[in-house]
Amino acid sequence: MKWLQVQGDEGARLGILREGRVSFLRAAHEGVLTTLDLLEAQEGRDLDLAAWLAGAERAGVFSEVEWAALADGTGGRLACPVTPPEVWGAGVTYRRSADFREEGTGFYDRVYDADRPELFFKASAWRCSAPGEPIGRRHDSTFTASEPELALVLGRRGTILGFTLANDVSAWDIERENPLSLPQSKIYRGCFSFGPVIVTPDEVADPHALTLSCRILRDGEEVFAGETSTERLKRRFAELVQWLLRSNDIATGTVLSTGTGIIQPLETGLEEGDIVEISCPEIGTLVNPVATV
């Protein structure tokens, strides 16, 4: 299935995308109002999803809207598809990412070749931008870039509950000046966006063979386009999750972004007003404007 959230006056509400239409909750049903409620109920009390859906439809708690109207903002507003307890990131998981960051020190090559992957805390929920909301370009950065990625939505024991698109926005000049400045490169207002939906694993034939693409538009003109495949990842998702859980507890709904293989050139760093589009046929398109923060 494809889960999402619709932003209402009283907060985010769970939605389901089916055949071009979105059914979203007007009121809670059996304690479920948001995507996180649903994921926690499935993990915590073995919620029978089919029975819950049938009951919610009988209870008449769903409203419907055309997906196209939500996607373009004319029929409502999308929220992040889940409100994450935490967002984590994996770095240097593609060869191109290691090559671009390297400046002769061998540091990123060692990260790429190491047994232990690079994992870092990325964002809290309030630092995340929903589809259509601005992502952040640091005002003290000369080269902030998009990092288009596939992200995993995890259960508390590391089960992959779904897949989504993510933009791990990063101030690369800050990180390249000093790797110890990584937190300032990675964590700030608007540093992460994801969506537009969460696709459950049963709808993804092979998550290690997904094509991701990115376009950056400036004043209506394309200034960058790139494409990669998750088959180029050095590490399998299960390995990244296993390392994330080492001596580290996570909560249901935690998001893990898995690294980028699409490298934005130095001459096309993000600027105020740019539009970033990240796409995957199995998931959809994540669109965000850029704002200086």
C-alpha atoms as a PDB file:
ATOM      1  CA  MET A   1       0.000   0.000   0.000  1.00  0.00           C
ATOM      2  CA  LYS A   2       0.936   3.654  -0.224  1.00  0.00           C
ATOM      3  CA  TRP A   3       0.586   5.581   3.013  1.00  0.00           C
ATOM      4  CA  LEU A   4       0.710   9.344   3.356  1.00  0.00           C
ATOM      5  CA  GLN A   5      -0.516  12.080   5.641  1.00  0.00           C
ATOM      6  CA  VAL A   6      -2.819  14.992   4.911  1.00  0.00           C
ATOM      7  CA  GLN A   7      -2.249  18.151   6.933  1.00  0.00           C
ATOM      8  CA  GLY A   8      -5.418  19.356   8.628  1.00  0.00           C
ATOM      9  CA  ASP A   9      -6.221  22.197  11.047  1.00  0.00           C
ATOM     10  CA  GLU A  10      -5.712  19.823  13.971  1.00  0.00           C
ATOM     11  CA  GLY A  11      -2.636  18.047  12.687  1.00  0.00           C
ATOM     12  CA  ALA A  12      -1.648  15.294  10.277  1.00  0.00           C
ATOM     13  CA  ARG A  13      -4.118  12.559   9.330  1.00  0.00           C
ATOM     14  CA  LEU A  14      -3.381   9.140   7.825  1.00  0.00           C
ATOM     15  CA  GLY A  15      -4.163   8.742   4.142  1.00  0.00           C
ATOM     16  CA  ILE A  16      -4.085   5.872   1.643  1.00  0.00           C
ATOM     17  CA  LEU A  17      -3.320   6.400  -2.047  1.00  0.00           C
ATOM     18  CA  ARG A  18      -5.288   4.033  -4.288  1.00  0.00           C
ATOM     19  CA  GLU A  19      -5.837   4.399  -8.054  1.00  0.00           C
ATOM     20  CA  GLY A  20      -5.329   8.157  -8.138  1.00  0.00           C
ATOM     21  CA  ARG A  21      -7.481   8.939  -5.111  1.00  0.00           C
ATOM     22  CA  VAL A  22      -6.598   9.489  -1.461  1.00  0.00           C
ATOM     23  CA  SER A  23      -8.764   8.274   1.381  1.00  0.00           C
ATOM     24  CA  PHE A  24      -7.818  10.110   4.587  1.00  0.00           C
ATOM     25  CA  LEU A  25      -9.130   9.918   8.124  1.00  0.00           C
ATOM     26  CA  ARG A  26     -11.439  12.607   9.439  1.00  0.00           C
ATOM     27  CA  ALA A  27     -11.487  10.974  12.869  1.00  0.00           C
ATOM     28  CA  ALA A  28      -9.610   8.252  14.696  1.00  0.00           C
ATOM     29  CA  HIS A  29     -10.656   4.645  14.217  1.00  0.00           C
ATOM     30  CA  GLU A  30      -9.631   2.076  16.819  1.00  0.00           C
ATOM     31  CA  GLY A  31      -7.003   4.452  18.143  1.00  0.00           C
ATOM     32  CA  VAL A  32      -5.468   5.164  14.727  1.00  0.00           C
ATOM     33  CA  LEU A  33      -5.398   8.705  13.362  1.00  0.00           C
ATOM     34  CA  THR A  34      -1.861   9.097  11.969  1.00  0.00           C
ATOM     35  CA  THR A  35       0.601   6.912  10.092  1.00  0.00           C
ATOM     36  CA  LEU A  36       2.644   6.512  13.259  1.00  0.00           C
ATOM     37  CA  ASP A  37      -0.470   5.324  15.127  1.00  0.00           C
ATOM     38  CA  LEU A  38      -0.998   2.681  12.466  1.00  0.00           C
ATOM     39  CA  LEU A  39       2.618   1.470  12.462  1.00  0.00           C
ATOM     40  CA  GLU A  40       2.675   1.297  16.259  1.00  0.00           C
ATOM     41  CA  ALA A  41      -0.619  -0.615  16.321  1.00  0.00           C
ATOM     42  CA  GLN A  42       0.690  -3.120  13.783  1.00  0.00           C
ATOM     43  CA  GLU A  43       3.850  -3.684  15.801  1.00  0.00           C
ATOM     44  CA  GLY A  44       2.450  -3.356  19.305  1.00  0.00           C
ATOM     45  CA  ARG A  45      -0.887  -5.108  19.121  1.00  0.00           C
ATOM     46  CA  ASP A  46      -0.690  -7.046  15.856  1.00  0.00           C
ATOM     47  CA  LEU A  47      -3.371  -4.918  14.224  1.00  0.00           C
ATOM     48  CA  ASP A  48      -5.053  -6.768  11.358  1.00  0.00           C
ATOM     49  CA  LEU A  49      -4.726  -4.142   8.626  1.00  0.00           C
ATOM     50  CA  ALA A  50      -7.401  -5.551   6.323  1.00  0.00           C
ATOM     51  CA  ALA A  51      -9.899  -5.779   9.177  1.00  0.00           C
ATOM     52  CA  TRP A  52      -9.029  -2.280  10.364  1.00  0.00           C
ATOM     53  CA  LEU A  53      -9.509  -0.829   6.881  1.00  0.00           C
ATOM     54  CA  ALA A  54     -12.830  -2.575   6.418  1.00  0.00           C
ATOM     55  CA  GLY A  55     -13.990  -1.328   9.804  1.00  0.00           C
ATOM     56  CA  ALA A  56     -12.898   2.230   9.107  1.00  0.00           C
ATOM     57  CA  GLU A  57     -14.742   2.225   5.792  1.00  0.00           C
ATOM     58  CA  ARG A  58     -17.905   0.868   7.429  1.00  0.00           C
ATOM     59  CA  ALA A  59     -17.620   3.552  10.117  1.00  0.00           C
ATOM     60  CA  GLY A  60     -17.481   6.266   7.453  1.00  0.00           C
ATOM     61  CA  VAL A  61     -14.415   7.995   8.912  1.00  0.00           C
ATOM     62  CA  PHE A  62     -12.650   8.443   5.560  1.00  0.00           C
ATOM     63  CA  SER A  63     -12.911  11.450   3.267  1.00  0.00           C
ATOM     64  CA  GLU A  64     -11.645  11.360  -0.316  1.00  0.00           C
ATOM     65  CA  VAL A  65      -9.667  13.725  -2.500  1.00  0.00           C
ATOM     66  CA  GLU A  66      -7.985  13.399  -5.878  1.00  0.00           C
ATOM     67  CA  TRP A  67      -4.265  12.701  -5.562  1.00  0.00           C
ATOM     68  CA  ALA A  68      -3.465  15.287  -8.231  1.00  0.00           C
ATOM     69  CA  ALA A  69      -5.201  17.981  -6.179  1.00  0.00           C
ATOM     70  CA  LEU A  70      -3.161  17.084  -3.113  1.00  0.00           C
ATOM     71  CA  ALA A  71       0.085  16.849  -5.044  1.00  0.00           C
ATOM     72  CA  ASP A  72      -0.291  20.334  -6.532  1.00  0.00           C
ATOM     73  CA  GLY A  73      -1.749  21.848  -3.354  1.00  0.00           C
ATOM     74  CA  THR A  74      -5.134  22.797  -4.798  1.00  0.00           C
ATOM     75  CA  GLY A  75      -7.054  20.171  -2.804  1.00  0.00           C
ATOM     76  CA  GLY A  76      -5.236  20.266   0.511  1.00  0.00           C
ATOM     77  CA  ARG A  77      -1.738  19.966   1.850  1.00  0.00           C
ATOM     78  CA  LEU A  78       0.533  16.969   2.231  1.00  0.00           C
ATOM     79  CA  ALA A  79       2.368  16.444   5.502  1.00  0.00           C
ATOM     80  CA  CYS A  80       5.408  14.232   5.897  1.00  0.00           C
ATOM     81  CA  PRO A  81       4.116  10.678   5.325  1.00  0.00           C
ATOM     82  CA  VAL A  82       4.989   9.812   8.931  1.00  0.00           C
ATOM     83  CA  THR A  83       5.988  12.019  11.861  1.00  0.00           C
ATOM     84  CA  PRO A  84       9.338  10.400  12.654  1.00  0.00           C
ATOM     85  CA  PRO A  85      10.626   9.972  16.208  1.00  0.00           C
ATOM     86  CA  GLU A  86      14.101  10.373  14.694  1.00  0.00           C
ATOM     87  CA  VAL A  87      15.776  10.582  11.307  1.00  0.00           C
ATOM     88  CA  TRP A  88      19.173   8.966  10.733  1.00  0.00           C
ATOM     89  CA  GLY A  89      21.414   9.055   7.698  1.00  0.00           C
ATOM     90  CA  ALA A  90      23.982   6.791   6.077  1.00  0.00           C
ATOM     91  CA  GLY A  91      26.885   8.369   4.226  1.00  0.00           C
ATOM     92  CA  VAL A  92      29.410   7.451   1.527  1.00  0.00           C
ATOM     93  CA  THR A  93      27.431   4.375   0.485  1.00  0.00           C
ATOM     94  CA  TYR A  94      27.952   5.018  -3.245  1.00  0.00           C
ATOM     95  CA  ARG A  95      31.339   5.186  -4.955  1.00  0.00           C
ATOM     96  CA  ARG A  96      30.582   8.554  -6.600  1.00  0.00           C
ATOM     97  CA  SER A  97      29.815  10.099  -3.226  1.00  0.00           C
ATOM     98  CA  ALA A  98      33.213   9.050  -1.892  1.00  0.00           C
ATOM     99  CA  ASP A  99      35.022  10.324  -4.999  1.00  0.00           C
ATOM    100  CA  PHE A 100      33.341  13.738  -4.970  1.00  0.00           C
ATOM    101  CA  ARG A 101      33.966  14.421  -1.292  1.00  0.00           C
ATOM    102  CA  GLU A 102      37.617  13.328  -1.483  1.00  0.00           C
ATOM    103  CA  GLU A 103      40.303  15.999  -1.671  1.00  0.00           C
ATOM    104  CA  GLY A 104      43.447  13.885  -1.468  1.00  0.00           C
ATOM    105  CA  THR A 105      43.273  12.994   2.233  1.00  0.00           C
ATOM    106  CA  GLY A 106      41.995   9.450   1.785  1.00  0.00           C
ATOM    107  CA  PHE A 107      39.409  10.107   4.498  1.00  0.00           C
ATOM    108  CA  TYR A 108      36.299   9.303   2.487  1.00  0.00           C
ATOM    109  CA  ASP A 109      37.924   6.338   0.798  1.00  0.00           C
ATOM    110  CA  ARG A 110      38.514   4.901   4.264  1.00  0.00           C
ATOM    111  CA  VAL A 111      34.856   5.503   5.126  1.00  0.00           C
ATOM    112  CA  TYR A 112      33.704   3.785   1.920  1.00  0.00           C
ATOM    113  CA  ASP A 113      35.997   0.769   2.429  1.00  0.00           C
ATOM    114  CA  ALA A 114      35.506   0.333   6.179  1.00  0.00           C
ATOM    115  CA  ASP A 115      33.551  -2.535   7.703  1.00  0.00           C
ATOM    116  CA  ARG A 116      31.596  -0.023   9.804  1.00  0.00           C
ATOM    117  CA  PRO A 117      29.337   2.292   7.748  1.00  0.00           C
ATOM    118  CA  GLU A 118      28.999   6.003   8.372  1.00  0.00           C
ATOM    119  CA  LEU A 119      25.761   6.546  10.295  1.00  0.00           C
ATOM    120  CA  PHE A 120      24.738   9.877  11.761  1.00  0.00           C
ATOM    121  CA  PHE A 121      21.778  11.515  13.436  1.00  0.00           C
ATOM    122  CA  LYS A 122      20.109  13.702  10.818  1.00  0.00           C
ATOM    123  CA  ALA A 123      16.936  15.355  12.061  1.00  0.00           C
ATOM    124  CA  SER A 124      14.117  15.577  14.536  1.00  0.00           C
ATOM    125  CA  ALA A 125      10.576  15.842  13.187  1.00  0.00           C
ATOM    126  CA  TRP A 126      10.433  19.634  13.417  1.00  0.00           C
ATOM    127  CA  ARG A 127      13.525  19.956  11.201  1.00  0.00           C
ATOM    128  CA  CYS A 128      11.833  17.951   8.413  1.00  0.00           C
ATOM    129  CA  SER A 129      10.112  19.569   5.450  1.00  0.00           C
ATOM    130  CA  ALA A 130       6.973  18.005   4.012  1.00  0.00           C
ATOM    131  CA  PRO A 131       6.417  17.697   0.260  1.00  0.00           C
ATOM    132  CA  GLY A 132       5.972  21.206  -1.135  1.00  0.00           C
ATOM    133  CA  GLU A 133       7.550  22.902   1.881  1.00  0.00           C
ATOM    134  CA  PRO A 134      10.896  24.739   1.658  1.00  0.00           C
ATOM    135  CA  ILE A 135      14.129  22.905   2.305  1.00  0.00           C
ATOM    136  CA  GLY A 136      16.965  24.887   3.850  1.00  0.00           C
ATOM    137  CA  ARG A 137      20.094  26.414   2.361  1.00  0.00           C
ATOM    138  CA  ARG A 138      22.369  27.473   5.198  1.00  0.00           C
ATOM    139  CA  HIS A 139      23.120  31.205   5.107  1.00  0.00           C
ATOM    140  CA  ASP A 140      26.731  30.493   6.175  1.00  0.00           C
ATOM    141  CA  SER A 141      27.303  27.915   3.407  1.00  0.00           C
ATOM    142  CA  THR A 142      28.680  28.574  -0.058  1.00  0.00           C
ATOM    143  CA  PHE A 143      27.725  25.140  -1.377  1.00  0.00           C
ATOM    144  CA  THR A 144      24.584  23.517  -0.028  1.00  0.00           C
ATOM    145  CA  ALA A 145      23.462  20.559  -2.141  1.00  0.00           C
ATOM    146  CA  SER A 146      20.583  18.154  -2.482  1.00  0.00           C
ATOM    147  CA  GLU A 147      21.273  14.513  -1.723  1.00  0.00           C
ATOM    148  CA  PRO A 148      18.499  12.433  -3.352  1.00  0.00           C
ATOM    149  CA  GLU A 149      18.137   9.143  -1.500  1.00  0.00           C
ATOM    150  CA  LEU A 150      15.946   6.155  -0.826  1.00  0.00           C
ATOM    151  CA  ALA A 151      14.871   6.117   2.820  1.00  0.00           C
ATOM    152  CA  LEU A 152      13.628   3.279   5.006  1.00  0.00           C
ATOM    153  CA  VAL A 153      10.825   3.544   7.552  1.00  0.00           C
ATOM    154  CA  LEU A 154      11.692   1.188  10.393  1.00  0.00           C
ATOM    155  CA  GLY A 155      10.035  -0.666  13.213  1.00  0.00           C
ATOM    156  CA  ARG A 156      11.551  -0.663  16.671  1.00  0.00           C
ATOM    157  CA  ARG A 157      13.307  -3.989  16.020  1.00  0.00           C
ATOM    158  CA  GLY A 158      14.660  -2.841  12.657  1.00  0.00           C
ATOM    159  CA  THR A 159      11.940  -4.299  10.433  1.00  0.00           C
ATOM    160  CA  ILE A 160      11.644  -2.335   7.194  1.00  0.00           C
ATOM    161  CA  LEU A 161       8.029  -1.158   7.217  1.00  0.00           C
ATOM    162  CA  GLY A 162       8.219   0.916   4.060  1.00  0.00           C
ATOM    163  CA  PHE A 163      10.241   2.900   1.526  1.00  0.00           C
ATOM    164  CA  THR A 164      10.112   6.587   0.692  1.00  0.00           C
ATOM    165  CA  LEU A 165      12.123   9.275  -1.104  1.00  0.00           C
ATOM    166  CA  ALA A 166      14.347  11.650   0.833  1.00  0.00           C
ATOM    167  CA  ASN A 167      16.478  14.733   0.366  1.00  0.00           C
ATOM    168  CA  ASP A 168      19.393  14.750   2.816  1.00  0.00           C
ATOM    169  CA  VAL A 169      20.172  18.427   2.243  1.00  0.00           C
ATOM    170  CA  SER A 170      23.812  19.083   3.197  1.00  0.00           C
ATOM    171  CA  ALA A 171      26.228  22.008   3.380  1.00  0.00           C
ATOM    172  CA  TRP A 172      29.079  20.194   1.701  1.00  0.00           C
ATOM    173  CA  ASP A 173      31.568  23.060   1.920  1.00  0.00           C
ATOM    174  CA  ILE A 174      31.342  22.957   5.724  1.00  0.00           C
ATOM    175  CA  GLU A 175      31.948  19.205   5.827  1.00  0.00           C
ATOM    176  CA  ARG A 176      34.821  19.373   3.318  1.00  0.00           C
ATOM    177  CA  GLU A 177      36.579  22.094   5.325  1.00  0.00           C
ATOM    178  CA  ASN A 178      36.624  19.859   8.398  1.00  0.00           C
ATOM    179  CA  PRO A 179      34.950  16.420   8.729  1.00  0.00           C
ATOM    180  CA  LEU A 180      34.362  17.146  12.428  1.00  0.00           C
ATOM    181  CA  SER A 181      31.922  19.834  11.294  1.00  0.00           C
ATOM    182  CA  LEU A 182      29.628  17.143   9.853  1.00  0.00           C
ATOM    183  CA  PRO A 183      26.805  17.898  12.352  1.00  0.00           C
ATOM    184  CA  GLN A 184      26.710  21.526  11.201  1.00  0.00           C
ATOM    185  CA  SER A 185      26.700  20.378   7.583  1.00  0.00           C
ATOM    186  CA  LYS A 186      23.823  17.998   8.202  1.00  0.00           C
ATOM    187  CA  ILE A 187      21.579  19.266  11.012  1.00  0.00           C
ATOM    188  CA  TYR A 188      19.703  22.571  10.785  1.00  0.00           C
ATOM    189  CA  ARG A 189      16.252  23.943   9.942  1.00  0.00           C
ATOM    190  CA  GLY A 190      14.866  22.399   6.758  1.00  0.00           C
ATOM    191  CA  CYS A 191      17.769  19.957   6.390  1.00  0.00           C
ATOM    192  CA  PHE A 192      15.630  16.969   5.435  1.00  0.00           C
ATOM    193  CA  SER A 193      12.531  16.315   3.370  1.00  0.00           C
ATOM    194  CA  PHE A 194      10.830  13.040   2.567  1.00  0.00           C
ATOM    195  CA  GLY A 195       7.745  11.668   0.876  1.00  0.00           C
ATOM    196  CA  PRO A 196       5.417  12.003  -0.834  1.00  0.00           C
ATOM    197  CA  VAL A 197       4.283   8.534   0.298  1.00  0.00           C
ATOM    198  CA  ILE A 198       5.527   5.452   2.105  1.00  0.00           C
ATOM    199  CA  VAL A 199       5.340   2.352  -0.069  1.00  0.00           C
ATOM    200  CA  THR A 200       5.014  -0.939   1.809  1.00  0.00           C
ATOM    201  CA  PRO A 201       7.564  -3.677   1.013  1.00  0.00           C
ATOM    202  CA  ASP A 202       5.008  -5.926  -0.683  1.00  0.00           C
ATOM    203  CA  GLU A 203       4.743  -3.354  -3.506  1.00  0.00           C
ATOM    204  CA  VAL A 204       8.493  -3.137  -4.165  1.00  0.00           C
ATOM    205  CA  ALA A 205       9.759  -6.134  -6.113  1.00  0.00           C
ATOM    206  CA  ASP A 206      13.452  -5.389  -5.466  1.00  0.00           C
ATOM    207  CA  PRO A 207      14.434  -2.373  -3.357  1.00  0.00           C
ATOM    208  CA  HIS A 208      18.040  -2.821  -4.529  1.00  0.00           C
ATOM    209  CA  ALA A 209      17.020  -2.148  -8.149  1.00  0.00           C
ATOM    210  CA  LEU A 210      15.178   1.166  -7.915  1.00  0.00           C
ATOM    211  CA  THR A 211      15.967   4.080 -10.224  1.00  0.00           C
ATOM    212  CA  LEU A 212      16.218   7.485  -8.547  1.00  0.00           C
ATOM    213  CA  SER A 213      16.399  10.737 -10.487  1.00  0.00           C
ATOM    214  CA  CYS A 214      16.747  14.388  -9.556  1.00  0.00           C
ATOM    215  CA  ARG A 215      16.123  17.701 -11.316  1.00  0.00           C
ATOM    216  CA  ILE A 216      16.885  21.206 -10.070  1.00  0.00           C
ATOM    217  CA  LEU A 217      14.991  24.084 -11.655  1.00  0.00           C
ATOM    218  CA  ARG A 218      16.056  27.722 -11.390  1.00  0.00           C
ATOM    219  CA  ASP A 219      13.742  30.385 -12.776  1.00  0.00           C
ATOM    220  CA  GLY A 220      11.993  27.628 -14.706  1.00  0.00           C
ATOM    221  CA  GLU A 221      15.192  26.353 -16.336  1.00  0.00           C
ATOM    222  CA  GLU A 222      16.807  23.008 -15.559  1.00  0.00           C
ATOM    223  CA  VAL A 223      20.287  23.615 -14.102  1.00  0.00           C
ATOM    224  CA  PHE A 224      20.977  20.039 -13.018  1.00  0.00           C
ATOM    225  CA  ALA A 225      19.685  16.530 -13.709  1.00  0.00           C
ATOM    226  CA  GLY A 226      21.052  13.228 -12.463  1.00  0.00           C
ATOM    227  CA  GLU A 227      20.102   9.587 -12.067  1.00  0.00           C
ATOM    228  CA  THR A 228      21.305   6.527 -10.181  1.00  0.00           C
ATOM    229  CA  SER A 229      20.107   3.093  -9.084  1.00  0.00           C
ATOM    230  CA  THR A 230      20.061   1.518  -5.645  1.00  0.00           C
ATOM    231  CA  GLU A 231      21.855  -1.457  -7.208  1.00  0.00           C
ATOM    232  CA  ARG A 232      24.997   0.727  -7.013  1.00  0.00           C
ATOM    233  CA  LEU A 233      24.865   0.864  -3.224  1.00  0.00           C
ATOM    234  CA  LYS A 234      27.856  -0.790  -1.616  1.00  0.00           C
ATOM    235  CA  ARG A 235      25.844  -1.998   1.376  1.00  0.00           C
ATOM    236  CA  ARG A 236      22.515  -3.792   1.553  1.00  0.00           C
ATOM    237  CA  PHE A 237      19.753  -2.165   3.575  1.00  0.00           C
ATOM    238  CA  ALA A 238      19.728  -4.965   6.139  1.00  0.00           C
ATOM    239  CA  GLU A 239      23.404  -4.277   6.882  1.00  0.00           C
ATOM    240  CA  LEU A 240      22.784  -0.559   7.438  1.00  0.00           C
ATOM    241  CA  VAL A 241      19.868  -1.310   9.751  1.00  0.00           C
ATOM    242  CA  GLN A 242      21.887  -3.886  11.687  1.00  0.00           C
ATOM    243  CA  TRP A 243      24.625  -1.325  12.349  1.00  0.00           C
ATOM    244  CA  LEU A 244      22.083   1.351  13.311  1.00  0.00           C
ATOM    245  CA  LEU A 245      20.669  -0.933  15.990  1.00  0.00           C
ATOM    246  CA  ARG A 246      24.037  -1.729  17.569  1.00  0.00           C
ATOM    247  CA  SER A 247      23.903  -0.396  21.136  1.00  0.00           C
ATOM    248  CA  ASN A 248      21.182   1.966  19.910  1.00  0.00           C
ATOM    249  CA  ASP A 249      17.433   1.668  20.491  1.00  0.00           C
ATOM    250  CA  ILE A 250      15.056   3.170  17.938  1.00  0.00           C
ATOM    251  CA  ALA A 251      11.330   3.803  18.016  1.00  0.00           C
ATOM    252  CA  THR A 252       8.727   2.672  15.514  1.00  0.00           C
ATOM    253  CA  GLY A 253       8.579   5.121  12.620  1.00  0.00           C
ATOM    254  CA  THR A 254      12.274   5.982  12.669  1.00  0.00           C
ATOM    255  CA  VAL A 255      13.519   6.992   9.204  1.00  0.00           C
ATOM    256  CA  LEU A 256      16.927   5.896   7.875  1.00  0.00           C
ATOM    257  CA  SER A 257      18.144   7.601   4.689  1.00  0.00           C
ATOM    258  CA  THR A 258      20.540   5.339   2.823  1.00  0.00           C
ATOM    259  CA  GLY A 259      22.987   7.645   1.032  1.00  0.00           C
ATOM    260  CA  THR A 260      23.201   9.391  -2.321  1.00  0.00           C
ATOM    261  CA  GLY A 261      24.598   8.389  -5.688  1.00  0.00           C
ATOM    262  CA  ILE A 262      23.469  11.593  -7.440  1.00  0.00           C
ATOM    263  CA  ILE A 263      26.134  14.261  -7.055  1.00  0.00           C
ATOM    264  CA  GLN A 264      25.264  17.906  -7.577  1.00  0.00           C
ATOM    265  CA  PRO A 265      28.263  19.745  -9.129  1.00  0.00           C
ATOM    266  CA  LEU A 266      29.925  22.655  -7.350  1.00  0.00           C
ATOM    267  CA  GLU A 267      28.702  25.141  -9.962  1.00  0.00           C
ATOM    268  CA  THR A 268      25.047  24.249  -9.287  1.00  0.00           C
ATOM    269  CA  GLY A 269      24.810  24.649  -5.519  1.00  0.00           C
ATOM    270  CA  LEU A 270      21.305  25.343  -4.255  1.00  0.00           C
ATOM    271  CA  GLU A 271      20.075  28.907  -4.433  1.00  0.00           C
ATOM    272  CA  GLU A 272      17.066  30.677  -2.968  1.00  0.00           C
ATOM    273  CA  GLY A 273      13.969  29.876  -5.033  1.00  0.00           C
ATOM    274  CA  ASP A 274      15.298  26.726  -6.700  1.00  0.00           C
ATOM    275  CA  ILE A 275      12.867  23.823  -7.092  1.00  0.00           C
ATOM    276  CA  VAL A 276      14.191  20.318  -6.369  1.00  0.00           C
ATOM    277  CA  GLU A 277      12.380  17.292  -7.802  1.00  0.00           C
ATOM    278  CA  ILE A 278      13.353  13.759  -6.729  1.00  0.00           C
ATOM    279  CA  SER A 279      11.575  10.857  -8.439  1.00  0.00           C
ATOM    280  CA  CYS A 280      11.268   7.086  -8.391  1.00  0.00           C
ATOM    281  CA  PRO A 281       8.640   5.279 -10.512  1.00  0.00           C
ATOM    282  CA  GLU A 282       7.611   2.999  -7.647  1.00  0.00           C
ATOM    283  CA  ILE A 283       7.222   5.849  -5.138  1.00  0.00           C
ATOM    284  CA  GLY A 284       6.432   9.096  -6.934  1.00  0.00           C
ATOM    285  CA  THR A 285       7.990  12.565  -6.949  1.00  0.00           C
ATOM    286  CA  LEU A 286       9.142  14.647  -3.993  1.00  0.00           C
ATOM    287  CA  VAL A 287       9.134  18.379  -4.762  1.00  0.00           C
ATOM    288  CA  ASN A 288      10.535  21.135  -2.535  1.00  0.00           C
ATOM    289  CA  PRO A 289      11.459  24.794  -3.070  1.00  0.00           C
ATOM    290  CA  VAL A 290      14.678  26.122  -1.527  1.00  0.00           C
ATOM    291  CA  ALA A 291      14.850  28.865   1.105  1.00  0.00           C
ATOM    292  CA  THR A 292      17.839  30.381   2.917  1.00  0.00           C
ATOM    293  CA  VAL A 293      17.811  29.701   6.668  1.00  0.00           C
END
